[in-house]
Amino acid sequence: MPPLTSRNLLIVIGAALLFSGASAFAQSHEAPGHEPPIKVYVDSIVATYSPNLRTAAGAPIIRMDPRLKTRGIAERLRMMFAYNEYKLKKSEEADSECGGAVAFNLPGGHILHVAPLTYVGSELALALSMFDGQRLVMQMPVKLIGGGMLLLVDQHLPGEFYITAISADSPVLAHVQLSPGLLPEVDAPVQISPALIPAQ
């Protein structure tokens, strides 16, 4: 992965994808310091796109790594993008608590720090920091809502993209579930610029 710059780093926040059929979990009221941990997931994905990869009828051919079906990653990728192939390169998880940071080694040599800050209901505030060696290349606050997911996209080569999917889960958070029937029909990748995708 090349160094992140304002030109080649695209940030997509799919943090508040609220769908029907939500199932809520009661918020924990245990004593401070005894709450269940917050599990942070970081999945590194390589996506490729070729406008010529189509069926005889002209529909785009989509190949999805079956491992990406966990935690609704595949559904979110298809909702946000229209690449032809998605491969899971690396999957990591770590337990944390509010005020504590966990580190993840990303493909290409970057190090991502994720620090849960606080939660209310289904909303979880995180602080993200990304390093290239000891050099800080990105720092941003994020709020995940209803089991949402942050997608960081970096173009690696023409037609090749690195996607870092960041999500978190804990019994202290209220949850919602994706409804695959709500996936849109997408035909080709759209031009993506830094954007906040609001609740629907």
N, C-alpha and C. Protein backbone atom coordinates (compact mmCIF):
# COMPACT_ATOMS: atom_id res chain seq x y z
N MET A 1 0.85 -1.18 0.00
CA MET A 1 0.00 0.00 0.00
C MET A 1 0.89 1.24 0.00
N PRO A 2 0.67 2.19 -0.93
CA PRO A 2 1.50 3.38 -0.96
C PRO A 2 1.18 4.29 0.21
N PRO A 3 2.05 5.27 0.54
CA PRO A 3 1.74 6.18 1.63
C PRO A 3 0.41 6.87 1.40
N LEU A 4 -0.35 7.07 2.47
CA LEU A 4 -1.66 7.70 2.37
C LEU A 4 -1.49 9.20 2.17
N THR A 5 -2.20 9.74 1.22
CA THR A 5 -2.20 11.18 0.98
C THR A 5 -3.63 11.63 0.83
N SER A 6 -3.83 12.94 0.84
CA SER A 6 -5.19 13.46 0.66
C SER A 6 -5.70 13.13 -0.73
N ARG A 7 -4.78 12.80 -1.67
CA ARG A 7 -5.21 12.52 -3.04
C ARG A 7 -5.69 11.09 -3.21
N ASN A 8 -5.00 10.13 -2.56
CA ASN A 8 -5.35 8.75 -2.83
C ASN A 8 -6.08 8.04 -1.70
N LEU A 9 -6.34 8.72 -0.59
CA LEU A 9 -7.12 8.10 0.49
C LEU A 9 -8.56 8.54 0.39
N LEU A 10 -9.45 7.58 0.23
CA LEU A 10 -10.88 7.86 0.15
C LEU A 10 -11.52 7.29 1.39
N ILE A 11 -12.33 8.08 2.06
CA ILE A 11 -12.95 7.65 3.32
C ILE A 11 -14.45 7.56 3.13
N VAL A 12 -14.99 6.41 3.44
CA VAL A 12 -16.43 6.22 3.37
C VAL A 12 -16.90 5.76 4.73
N ILE A 13 -17.83 6.47 5.31
CA ILE A 13 -18.35 6.08 6.61
C ILE A 13 -19.74 5.51 6.43
N GLY A 14 -19.85 4.18 6.53
CA GLY A 14 -21.15 3.51 6.49
C GLY A 14 -21.56 3.21 7.91
N ALA A 15 -21.63 4.24 8.73
CA ALA A 15 -21.72 4.05 10.18
C ALA A 15 -23.14 3.88 10.68
N ALA A 16 -24.15 4.28 9.92
CA ALA A 16 -25.50 4.26 10.47
C ALA A 16 -26.47 3.63 9.51
N LEU A 17 -26.19 2.39 9.12
CA LEU A 17 -27.07 1.69 8.20
C LEU A 17 -28.17 1.02 9.01
N LEU A 18 -29.28 1.71 9.16
CA LEU A 18 -30.37 1.21 10.01
C LEU A 18 -31.43 0.57 9.14
N PHE A 19 -31.78 -0.68 9.46
CA PHE A 19 -32.71 -1.42 8.64
C PHE A 19 -33.83 -1.98 9.50
N SER A 20 -34.92 -2.35 8.81
CA SER A 20 -36.01 -3.01 9.52
C SER A 20 -35.55 -4.37 9.99
N GLY A 21 -36.25 -4.90 10.98
CA GLY A 21 -35.87 -6.19 11.54
C GLY A 21 -34.76 -6.06 12.56
N ALA A 22 -34.61 -4.88 13.14
CA ALA A 22 -33.55 -4.69 14.13
C ALA A 22 -33.87 -5.47 15.39
N SER A 23 -32.82 -5.98 16.02
CA SER A 23 -32.99 -6.66 17.30
C SER A 23 -32.09 -5.98 18.32
N ALA A 24 -32.68 -5.45 19.37
CA ALA A 24 -31.91 -4.68 20.36
C ALA A 24 -31.50 -5.58 21.51
N PHE A 25 -30.34 -5.28 22.04
CA PHE A 25 -29.84 -5.96 23.22
C PHE A 25 -29.84 -4.96 24.37
N ALA A 26 -30.20 -5.41 25.55
CA ALA A 26 -30.27 -4.50 26.70
C ALA A 26 -28.88 -4.00 27.05
N GLN A 27 -28.81 -2.73 27.39
CA GLN A 27 -27.53 -2.13 27.79
C GLN A 27 -27.15 -2.62 29.18
N SER A 28 -25.86 -2.96 29.34
CA SER A 28 -25.37 -3.49 30.60
C SER A 28 -25.36 -2.41 31.66
N HIS A 29 -25.70 -2.81 32.90
CA HIS A 29 -25.65 -1.88 34.02
C HIS A 29 -24.73 -2.40 35.10
N GLU A 30 -23.71 -3.15 34.68
CA GLU A 30 -22.77 -3.67 35.64
C GLU A 30 -21.91 -2.57 36.21
N ALA A 31 -21.24 -2.85 37.30
CA ALA A 31 -20.39 -1.85 37.94
C ALA A 31 -19.25 -1.45 37.02
N PRO A 32 -18.79 -0.18 37.08
CA PRO A 32 -17.68 0.27 36.24
C PRO A 32 -16.47 -0.64 36.43
N GLY A 33 -15.80 -0.93 35.32
CA GLY A 33 -14.64 -1.80 35.36
C GLY A 33 -15.00 -3.27 35.22
N HIS A 34 -16.32 -3.60 35.23
CA HIS A 34 -16.73 -4.99 35.11
C HIS A 34 -17.64 -5.19 33.90
N GLU A 35 -17.70 -4.23 33.01
CA GLU A 35 -18.52 -4.36 31.82
C GLU A 35 -17.83 -5.28 30.81
N PRO A 36 -18.62 -5.95 29.96
CA PRO A 36 -18.02 -6.80 28.94
C PRO A 36 -17.10 -5.98 28.03
N PRO A 37 -16.06 -6.60 27.47
CA PRO A 37 -15.15 -5.85 26.59
C PRO A 37 -15.83 -5.46 25.28
N ILE A 38 -15.26 -4.48 24.63
CA ILE A 38 -15.69 -4.10 23.29
C ILE A 38 -14.73 -4.77 22.32
N LYS A 39 -15.27 -5.62 21.46
CA LYS A 39 -14.45 -6.34 20.50
C LYS A 39 -14.36 -5.52 19.22
N VAL A 40 -13.15 -5.21 18.81
CA VAL A 40 -12.90 -4.42 17.61
C VAL A 40 -12.42 -5.35 16.51
N TYR A 41 -13.05 -5.22 15.33
CA TYR A 41 -12.70 -6.04 14.17
C TYR A 41 -12.09 -5.15 13.08
N VAL A 42 -11.01 -5.61 12.48
CA VAL A 42 -10.40 -4.91 11.34
C VAL A 42 -10.15 -5.94 10.25
N ASP A 43 -10.82 -5.77 9.11
CA ASP A 43 -10.70 -6.69 7.98
C ASP A 43 -10.07 -5.95 6.80
N SER A 44 -9.01 -6.52 6.25
CA SER A 44 -8.31 -5.93 5.11
C SER A 44 -8.72 -6.67 3.84
N ILE A 45 -9.21 -5.91 2.87
CA ILE A 45 -9.82 -6.48 1.66
C ILE A 45 -9.14 -5.88 0.44
N VAL A 46 -8.90 -6.70 -0.58
CA VAL A 46 -8.43 -6.21 -1.87
C VAL A 46 -9.58 -6.34 -2.85
N ALA A 47 -9.93 -5.22 -3.49
CA ALA A 47 -11.01 -5.21 -4.48
C ALA A 47 -10.44 -4.82 -5.84
N THR A 48 -10.93 -5.47 -6.89
CA THR A 48 -10.48 -5.14 -8.25
C THR A 48 -11.69 -4.84 -9.12
N TYR A 49 -11.44 -4.03 -10.15
CA TYR A 49 -12.51 -3.65 -11.07
C TYR A 49 -12.01 -3.69 -12.50
N SER A 50 -12.79 -4.31 -13.36
CA SER A 50 -12.51 -4.32 -14.78
C SER A 50 -13.82 -4.10 -15.51
N PRO A 51 -13.95 -3.03 -16.30
CA PRO A 51 -15.22 -2.77 -16.98
C PRO A 51 -15.56 -3.85 -18.01
N ASN A 52 -14.59 -4.67 -18.40
CA ASN A 52 -14.84 -5.70 -19.40
C ASN A 52 -15.25 -7.04 -18.80
N LEU A 53 -15.23 -7.14 -17.47
CA LEU A 53 -15.59 -8.40 -16.82
C LEU A 53 -17.11 -8.46 -16.66
N ARG A 54 -17.77 -8.96 -17.70
CA ARG A 54 -19.24 -9.02 -17.73
C ARG A 54 -19.71 -10.34 -18.32
N THR A 55 -20.95 -10.68 -18.02
CA THR A 55 -21.55 -11.88 -18.60
C THR A 55 -21.90 -11.61 -20.05
N ALA A 56 -22.31 -12.67 -20.76
CA ALA A 56 -22.73 -12.51 -22.16
C ALA A 56 -23.90 -11.56 -22.28
N ALA A 57 -24.72 -11.48 -21.23
CA ALA A 57 -25.88 -10.58 -21.24
C ALA A 57 -25.51 -9.15 -20.87
N GLY A 58 -24.24 -8.92 -20.51
CA GLY A 58 -23.80 -7.56 -20.19
C GLY A 58 -23.80 -7.20 -18.72
N ALA A 59 -24.23 -8.12 -17.85
CA ALA A 59 -24.24 -7.84 -16.41
C ALA A 59 -22.82 -7.99 -15.85
N PRO A 60 -22.45 -7.15 -14.88
CA PRO A 60 -21.11 -7.28 -14.30
C PRO A 60 -20.95 -8.60 -13.55
N ILE A 61 -19.79 -9.19 -13.65
CA ILE A 61 -19.48 -10.41 -12.91
C ILE A 61 -18.91 -10.01 -11.56
N ILE A 62 -19.51 -10.53 -10.49
CA ILE A 62 -19.08 -10.22 -9.13
C ILE A 62 -18.61 -11.49 -8.45
N ARG A 63 -17.38 -11.46 -7.93
CA ARG A 63 -16.84 -12.59 -7.18
C ARG A 63 -16.57 -12.10 -5.76
N MET A 64 -17.23 -12.72 -4.78
CA MET A 64 -17.11 -12.30 -3.39
C MET A 64 -16.49 -13.43 -2.57
N ASP A 65 -15.41 -13.13 -1.88
CA ASP A 65 -14.79 -14.09 -0.99
C ASP A 65 -15.83 -14.52 0.05
N PRO A 66 -16.14 -15.82 0.16
CA PRO A 66 -17.18 -16.25 1.11
C PRO A 66 -16.88 -15.88 2.55
N ARG A 67 -15.61 -15.67 2.89
CA ARG A 67 -15.27 -15.29 4.26
C ARG A 67 -15.77 -13.90 4.61
N LEU A 68 -16.11 -13.09 3.59
CA LEU A 68 -16.59 -11.73 3.83
C LEU A 68 -18.08 -11.69 4.18
N LYS A 69 -18.72 -12.83 4.21
CA LYS A 69 -20.14 -12.87 4.59
C LYS A 69 -20.35 -12.74 6.09
N THR A 70 -19.27 -12.85 6.87
CA THR A 70 -19.40 -12.68 8.32
C THR A 70 -19.62 -11.22 8.66
N ARG A 71 -20.42 -10.97 9.68
CA ARG A 71 -20.69 -9.63 10.22
C ARG A 71 -21.23 -8.66 9.17
N GLY A 72 -21.82 -9.17 8.10
CA GLY A 72 -22.43 -8.29 7.11
C GLY A 72 -21.45 -7.52 6.25
N ILE A 73 -20.19 -7.95 6.18
CA ILE A 73 -19.19 -7.21 5.39
C ILE A 73 -19.54 -7.26 3.91
N ALA A 74 -19.86 -8.45 3.39
CA ALA A 74 -20.16 -8.60 1.96
C ALA A 74 -21.33 -7.72 1.55
N GLU A 75 -22.38 -7.69 2.37
CA GLU A 75 -23.56 -6.88 2.04
C GLU A 75 -23.21 -5.40 1.97
N ARG A 76 -22.40 -4.94 2.92
CA ARG A 76 -22.02 -3.52 2.92
C ARG A 76 -21.13 -3.19 1.71
N LEU A 77 -20.22 -4.09 1.37
CA LEU A 77 -19.38 -3.85 0.21
C LEU A 77 -20.21 -3.71 -1.06
N ARG A 78 -21.21 -4.57 -1.23
CA ARG A 78 -22.05 -4.51 -2.42
C ARG A 78 -22.95 -3.29 -2.42
N MET A 79 -23.31 -2.80 -1.22
CA MET A 79 -24.13 -1.59 -1.14
C MET A 79 -23.33 -0.35 -1.52
N MET A 80 -22.05 -0.33 -1.14
CA MET A 80 -21.25 0.88 -1.30
C MET A 80 -20.46 0.91 -2.60
N PHE A 81 -20.10 -0.25 -3.14
CA PHE A 81 -19.20 -0.29 -4.29
C PHE A 81 -19.74 -1.22 -5.36
N ALA A 82 -19.08 -1.19 -6.52
CA ALA A 82 -19.44 -2.09 -7.62
C ALA A 82 -18.18 -2.64 -8.27
N TYR A 83 -17.27 -3.12 -7.45
CA TYR A 83 -16.08 -3.76 -7.99
C TYR A 83 -16.43 -5.18 -8.42
N ASN A 84 -15.53 -5.81 -9.19
CA ASN A 84 -15.82 -7.14 -9.71
C ASN A 84 -15.41 -8.26 -8.76
N GLU A 85 -14.36 -8.03 -7.97
CA GLU A 85 -13.87 -9.10 -7.12
C GLU A 85 -13.42 -8.54 -5.77
N TYR A 86 -13.77 -9.25 -4.71
CA TYR A 86 -13.41 -8.86 -3.35
C TYR A 86 -12.73 -10.06 -2.68
N LYS A 87 -11.51 -9.87 -2.21
CA LYS A 87 -10.78 -10.94 -1.53
C LYS A 87 -10.35 -10.46 -0.14
N LEU A 88 -10.60 -11.30 0.87
CA LEU A 88 -10.16 -10.99 2.22
C LEU A 88 -8.67 -11.30 2.33
N LYS A 89 -7.88 -10.28 2.61
CA LYS A 89 -6.44 -10.46 2.72
C LYS A 89 -6.02 -10.76 4.15
N LYS A 90 -6.70 -10.14 5.10
CA LYS A 90 -6.33 -10.33 6.51
C LYS A 90 -7.51 -9.95 7.39
N SER A 91 -7.71 -10.70 8.47
CA SER A 91 -8.79 -10.41 9.42
C SER A 91 -8.22 -10.47 10.83
N GLU A 92 -8.45 -9.40 11.61
CA GLU A 92 -7.94 -9.34 12.97
C GLU A 92 -9.06 -8.88 13.91
N GLU A 93 -8.93 -9.25 15.16
CA GLU A 93 -9.86 -8.77 16.18
C GLU A 93 -9.11 -8.65 17.50
N ALA A 94 -9.58 -7.73 18.34
CA ALA A 94 -8.96 -7.52 19.64
C ALA A 94 -9.99 -6.97 20.60
N ASP A 95 -9.86 -7.32 21.88
CA ASP A 95 -10.75 -6.81 22.92
C ASP A 95 -10.18 -5.51 23.49
N SER A 96 -11.08 -4.55 23.73
CA SER A 96 -10.67 -3.29 24.32
C SER A 96 -11.75 -2.84 25.29
N GLU A 97 -11.57 -1.68 25.86
CA GLU A 97 -12.57 -1.06 26.72
C GLU A 97 -12.50 0.43 26.49
N CYS A 98 -13.50 1.15 26.94
CA CYS A 98 -13.51 2.60 26.73
C CYS A 98 -12.27 3.22 27.38
N GLY A 99 -11.55 3.97 26.58
CA GLY A 99 -10.33 4.60 27.05
C GLY A 99 -9.08 3.83 26.71
N GLY A 100 -9.22 2.61 26.19
CA GLY A 100 -8.06 1.80 25.83
C GLY A 100 -7.96 1.63 24.33
N ALA A 101 -6.75 1.65 23.79
CA ALA A 101 -6.53 1.52 22.35
C ALA A 101 -5.96 0.15 22.03
N VAL A 102 -6.32 -0.37 20.85
CA VAL A 102 -5.75 -1.61 20.34
C VAL A 102 -5.13 -1.31 18.98
N ALA A 103 -4.05 -2.03 18.64
CA ALA A 103 -3.31 -1.77 17.41
C ALA A 103 -3.46 -2.94 16.45
N PHE A 104 -3.52 -2.60 15.15
CA PHE A 104 -3.66 -3.60 14.10
C PHE A 104 -2.61 -3.32 13.02
N ASN A 105 -1.94 -4.37 12.56
CA ASN A 105 -0.97 -4.26 11.48
C ASN A 105 -1.68 -4.48 10.16
N LEU A 106 -1.73 -3.45 9.31
CA LEU A 106 -2.41 -3.54 8.04
C LEU A 106 -1.45 -3.99 6.95
N PRO A 107 -1.97 -4.63 5.89
CA PRO A 107 -1.12 -4.97 4.76
C PRO A 107 -0.48 -3.71 4.18
N GLY A 108 0.78 -3.80 3.83
CA GLY A 108 1.47 -2.62 3.31
C GLY A 108 2.28 -1.90 4.35
N GLY A 109 2.21 -2.35 5.61
CA GLY A 109 3.08 -1.78 6.63
C GLY A 109 2.47 -0.72 7.52
N HIS A 110 1.23 -0.30 7.27
CA HIS A 110 0.63 0.69 8.14
C HIS A 110 0.15 0.05 9.44
N ILE A 111 0.09 0.85 10.49
CA ILE A 111 -0.40 0.41 11.80
C ILE A 111 -1.61 1.27 12.15
N LEU A 112 -2.72 0.62 12.47
CA LEU A 112 -3.96 1.30 12.81
C LEU A 112 -4.24 1.15 14.29
N HIS A 113 -4.43 2.28 14.98
CA HIS A 113 -4.83 2.26 16.39
C HIS A 113 -6.32 2.60 16.47
N VAL A 114 -7.08 1.79 17.17
CA VAL A 114 -8.51 2.02 17.37
C VAL A 114 -8.77 2.11 18.87
N ALA A 115 -9.36 3.23 19.29
CA ALA A 115 -9.61 3.45 20.73
C ALA A 115 -11.09 3.73 20.95
N PRO A 116 -11.86 2.78 21.52
CA PRO A 116 -13.23 3.09 21.92
C PRO A 116 -13.21 4.17 23.00
N LEU A 117 -14.09 5.15 22.85
CA LEU A 117 -14.11 6.28 23.79
C LEU A 117 -15.30 6.21 24.75
N THR A 118 -16.49 6.07 24.18
CA THR A 118 -17.71 6.04 25.00
C THR A 118 -18.84 5.45 24.18
N TYR A 119 -19.93 5.05 24.82
CA TYR A 119 -21.08 4.52 24.10
C TYR A 119 -22.36 4.97 24.80
N VAL A 120 -23.41 5.11 23.99
CA VAL A 120 -24.75 5.38 24.50
C VAL A 120 -25.71 4.61 23.61
N GLY A 121 -26.41 3.64 24.18
CA GLY A 121 -27.34 2.84 23.38
C GLY A 121 -26.61 2.10 22.28
N SER A 122 -26.94 2.42 21.02
CA SER A 122 -26.30 1.76 19.88
C SER A 122 -25.14 2.58 19.32
N GLU A 123 -24.84 3.73 19.92
CA GLU A 123 -23.79 4.61 19.39
C GLU A 123 -22.47 4.38 20.13
N LEU A 124 -21.42 4.16 19.34
CA LEU A 124 -20.08 3.94 19.88
C LEU A 124 -19.12 4.94 19.26
N ALA A 125 -18.48 5.75 20.09
CA ALA A 125 -17.50 6.72 19.61
C ALA A 125 -16.11 6.09 19.64
N LEU A 126 -15.37 6.25 18.54
CA LEU A 126 -14.03 5.71 18.42
C LEU A 126 -13.07 6.82 18.02
N ALA A 127 -11.80 6.65 18.37
CA ALA A 127 -10.73 7.50 17.85
C ALA A 127 -9.79 6.62 17.04
N LEU A 128 -9.54 7.01 15.79
CA LEU A 128 -8.66 6.24 14.91
C LEU A 128 -7.38 7.01 14.63
N SER A 129 -6.27 6.29 14.63
CA SER A 129 -4.98 6.87 14.26
C SER A 129 -4.26 5.84 13.38
N MET A 130 -3.68 6.31 12.25
CA MET A 130 -2.95 5.43 11.37
C MET A 130 -1.52 5.93 11.24
N PHE A 131 -0.57 5.00 11.33
CA PHE A 131 0.84 5.34 11.29
C PHE A 131 1.53 4.63 10.14
N ASP A 132 2.49 5.32 9.54
CA ASP A 132 3.42 4.72 8.59
C ASP A 132 4.76 4.73 9.30
N GLY A 133 5.12 3.61 9.92
CA GLY A 133 6.26 3.61 10.83
C GLY A 133 5.88 4.40 12.07
N GLN A 134 6.68 5.43 12.38
CA GLN A 134 6.36 6.30 13.52
C GLN A 134 5.65 7.57 13.09
N ARG A 135 5.42 7.72 11.78
CA ARG A 135 4.80 8.95 11.26
C ARG A 135 3.29 8.81 11.26
N LEU A 136 2.60 9.74 11.90
CA LEU A 136 1.14 9.76 11.90
C LEU A 136 0.65 10.26 10.54
N VAL A 137 -0.16 9.44 9.86
CA VAL A 137 -0.65 9.82 8.53
C VAL A 137 -2.15 10.09 8.52
N MET A 138 -2.87 9.67 9.56
CA MET A 138 -4.30 9.93 9.62
C MET A 138 -4.76 9.86 11.06
N GLN A 139 -5.65 10.79 11.44
CA GLN A 139 -6.26 10.77 12.77
C GLN A 139 -7.67 11.31 12.63
N MET A 140 -8.65 10.57 13.15
CA MET A 140 -10.02 11.03 13.00
C MET A 140 -10.92 10.39 14.05
N PRO A 141 -11.95 11.15 14.49
CA PRO A 141 -12.98 10.57 15.36
C PRO A 141 -14.06 9.93 14.50
N VAL A 142 -14.67 8.88 14.99
CA VAL A 142 -15.71 8.17 14.25
C VAL A 142 -16.81 7.78 15.23
N LYS A 143 -18.04 7.84 14.77
CA LYS A 143 -19.15 7.32 15.57
C LYS A 143 -19.82 6.21 14.77
N LEU A 144 -19.81 5.00 15.30
CA LEU A 144 -20.52 3.87 14.70
C LEU A 144 -21.90 3.77 15.35
N ILE A 145 -22.92 3.65 14.52
CA ILE A 145 -24.29 3.63 15.01
C ILE A 145 -24.96 2.32 14.61
N GLY A 146 -25.57 1.65 15.59
CA GLY A 146 -26.34 0.46 15.29
C GLY A 146 -25.53 -0.65 14.66
N GLY A 147 -24.32 -0.91 15.14
CA GLY A 147 -23.50 -1.97 14.56
C GLY A 147 -22.96 -1.58 13.20
N GLY A 148 -22.74 -0.28 12.96
CA GLY A 148 -22.25 0.19 11.68
C GLY A 148 -20.80 -0.21 11.43
N MET A 149 -20.30 0.22 10.27
CA MET A 149 -18.96 -0.18 9.84
C MET A 149 -18.30 0.99 9.11
N LEU A 150 -17.04 1.22 9.41
CA LEU A 150 -16.25 2.23 8.72
C LEU A 150 -15.44 1.56 7.63
N LEU A 151 -15.46 2.12 6.41
CA LEU A 151 -14.70 1.58 5.30
C LEU A 151 -13.69 2.62 4.83
N LEU A 152 -12.41 2.30 4.94
CA LEU A 152 -11.35 3.15 4.42
C LEU A 152 -10.90 2.57 3.10
N VAL A 153 -10.86 3.38 2.05
CA VAL A 153 -10.53 2.90 0.72
C VAL A 153 -9.31 3.63 0.19
N ASP A 154 -8.34 2.86 -0.29
CA ASP A 154 -7.11 3.42 -0.84
C ASP A 154 -6.84 2.75 -2.18
N GLN A 155 -6.71 3.56 -3.23
CA GLN A 155 -6.41 2.97 -4.54
C GLN A 155 -4.94 2.56 -4.56
N HIS A 156 -4.71 1.29 -4.84
CA HIS A 156 -3.36 0.73 -4.80
C HIS A 156 -2.71 0.79 -6.18
N LEU A 157 -3.40 0.29 -7.18
CA LEU A 157 -2.97 0.31 -8.57
C LEU A 157 -4.21 0.63 -9.40
N PRO A 158 -4.06 0.96 -10.68
CA PRO A 158 -5.25 1.17 -11.52
C PRO A 158 -6.15 -0.07 -11.49
N GLY A 159 -7.39 0.12 -11.09
CA GLY A 159 -8.33 -0.99 -11.01
C GLY A 159 -8.18 -1.85 -9.78
N GLU A 160 -7.30 -1.47 -8.83
CA GLU A 160 -7.11 -2.26 -7.60
C GLU A 160 -7.21 -1.35 -6.39
N PHE A 161 -7.98 -1.78 -5.40
CA PHE A 161 -8.26 -0.96 -4.23
C PHE A 161 -8.07 -1.77 -2.96
N TYR A 162 -7.51 -1.13 -1.92
CA TYR A 162 -7.45 -1.73 -0.59
C TYR A 162 -8.60 -1.14 0.23
N ILE A 163 -9.38 -2.01 0.84
CA ILE A 163 -10.48 -1.58 1.69
C ILE A 163 -10.22 -2.10 3.10
N THR A 164 -10.24 -1.19 4.07
CA THR A 164 -10.10 -1.58 5.47
C THR A 164 -11.46 -1.40 6.13
N ALA A 165 -12.06 -2.50 6.60
CA ALA A 165 -13.37 -2.47 7.24
C ALA A 165 -13.18 -2.52 8.75
N ILE A 166 -13.70 -1.51 9.44
CA ILE A 166 -13.55 -1.40 10.89
C ILE A 166 -14.93 -1.47 11.53
N SER A 167 -15.10 -2.39 12.46
CA SER A 167 -16.39 -2.51 13.16
C SER A 167 -16.12 -2.92 14.60
N ALA A 168 -17.17 -2.88 15.41
CA ALA A 168 -17.02 -3.22 16.82
C ALA A 168 -18.32 -3.85 17.32
N ASP A 169 -18.19 -4.65 18.37
CA ASP A 169 -19.36 -5.32 18.91
C ASP A 169 -19.17 -5.53 20.41
N SER A 170 -20.27 -5.48 21.15
CA SER A 170 -20.24 -5.72 22.58
C SER A 170 -21.66 -5.90 23.07
N PRO A 171 -21.88 -6.72 24.10
CA PRO A 171 -23.22 -6.83 24.69
C PRO A 171 -23.76 -5.51 25.22
N VAL A 172 -22.88 -4.52 25.45
CA VAL A 172 -23.37 -3.24 25.98
C VAL A 172 -23.98 -2.38 24.89
N LEU A 173 -23.85 -2.78 23.62
CA LEU A 173 -24.36 -1.98 22.51
C LEU A 173 -25.67 -2.55 21.98
N ALA A 174 -26.58 -1.68 21.56
CA ALA A 174 -27.78 -2.13 20.86
C ALA A 174 -27.38 -2.47 19.43
N HIS A 175 -28.05 -3.45 18.83
CA HIS A 175 -27.66 -3.95 17.51
C HIS A 175 -28.80 -3.76 16.50
N VAL A 176 -28.42 -3.68 15.23
CA VAL A 176 -29.36 -3.81 14.13
C VAL A 176 -28.78 -4.82 13.16
N GLN A 177 -29.64 -5.41 12.33
CA GLN A 177 -29.20 -6.41 11.38
C GLN A 177 -29.43 -5.92 9.96
N LEU A 178 -28.48 -6.25 9.08
CA LEU A 178 -28.63 -5.91 7.67
C LEU A 178 -29.73 -6.76 7.04
N SER A 179 -30.46 -6.17 6.11
CA SER A 179 -31.45 -6.91 5.35
C SER A 179 -30.95 -7.04 3.92
N PRO A 180 -30.48 -8.24 3.50
CA PRO A 180 -29.92 -8.39 2.16
C PRO A 180 -30.88 -7.98 1.06
N GLY A 181 -32.18 -8.05 1.31
CA GLY A 181 -33.15 -7.67 0.29
C GLY A 181 -33.10 -6.20 -0.06
N LEU A 182 -32.42 -5.39 0.76
CA LEU A 182 -32.36 -3.96 0.50
C LEU A 182 -31.12 -3.57 -0.30
N LEU A 183 -30.34 -4.55 -0.78
CA LEU A 183 -29.15 -4.21 -1.53
C LEU A 183 -29.53 -3.59 -2.86
N PRO A 184 -28.92 -2.46 -3.24
CA PRO A 184 -29.24 -1.83 -4.50
C PRO A 184 -28.56 -2.52 -5.67
N GLU A 185 -29.06 -2.30 -6.85
CA GLU A 185 -28.41 -2.80 -8.05
C GLU A 185 -27.38 -1.76 -8.49
N VAL A 186 -26.12 -2.15 -8.47
CA VAL A 186 -25.06 -1.24 -8.88
C VAL A 186 -24.35 -1.85 -10.07
N ASP A 187 -23.98 -1.01 -11.03
CA ASP A 187 -23.44 -1.50 -12.28
C ASP A 187 -21.97 -1.20 -12.46
N ALA A 188 -21.50 -0.07 -11.89
CA ALA A 188 -20.10 0.31 -12.03
C ALA A 188 -19.71 1.17 -10.84
N PRO A 189 -18.43 1.16 -10.47
CA PRO A 189 -18.00 1.98 -9.33
C PRO A 189 -18.29 3.46 -9.55
N VAL A 190 -18.71 4.11 -8.49
CA VAL A 190 -18.93 5.55 -8.56
C VAL A 190 -17.67 6.25 -8.10
N GLN A 191 -17.53 7.50 -8.48
CA GLN A 191 -16.42 8.30 -7.99
C GLN A 191 -16.71 8.66 -6.55
N ILE A 192 -15.84 8.25 -5.64
CA ILE A 192 -16.08 8.45 -4.22
C ILE A 192 -15.12 9.51 -3.70
N SER A 193 -15.66 10.46 -2.97
CA SER A 193 -14.84 11.45 -2.29
C SER A 193 -15.17 11.35 -0.80
N PRO A 194 -14.36 11.95 0.08
CA PRO A 194 -14.69 11.85 1.50
C PRO A 194 -16.13 12.24 1.77
N ALA A 195 -16.86 11.34 2.41
CA ALA A 195 -18.29 11.58 2.59
C ALA A 195 -18.79 10.88 3.84
N LEU A 196 -19.83 11.43 4.41
CA LEU A 196 -20.51 10.81 5.54
C LEU A 196 -21.83 10.28 5.04
N ILE A 197 -22.03 8.96 5.19
CA ILE A 197 -23.28 8.35 4.76
C ILE A 197 -24.22 8.36 5.96
N PRO A 198 -25.32 9.12 5.91
CA PRO A 198 -26.20 9.26 7.08
C PRO A 198 -27.08 8.04 7.28
N ALA A 199 -27.78 8.04 8.39
CA ALA A 199 -28.75 6.98 8.66
C ALA A 199 -29.84 6.99 7.61
N GLN A 200 -30.36 5.81 7.29
CA GLN A 200 -31.42 5.72 6.29
C GLN A 200 -32.72 5.28 6.92
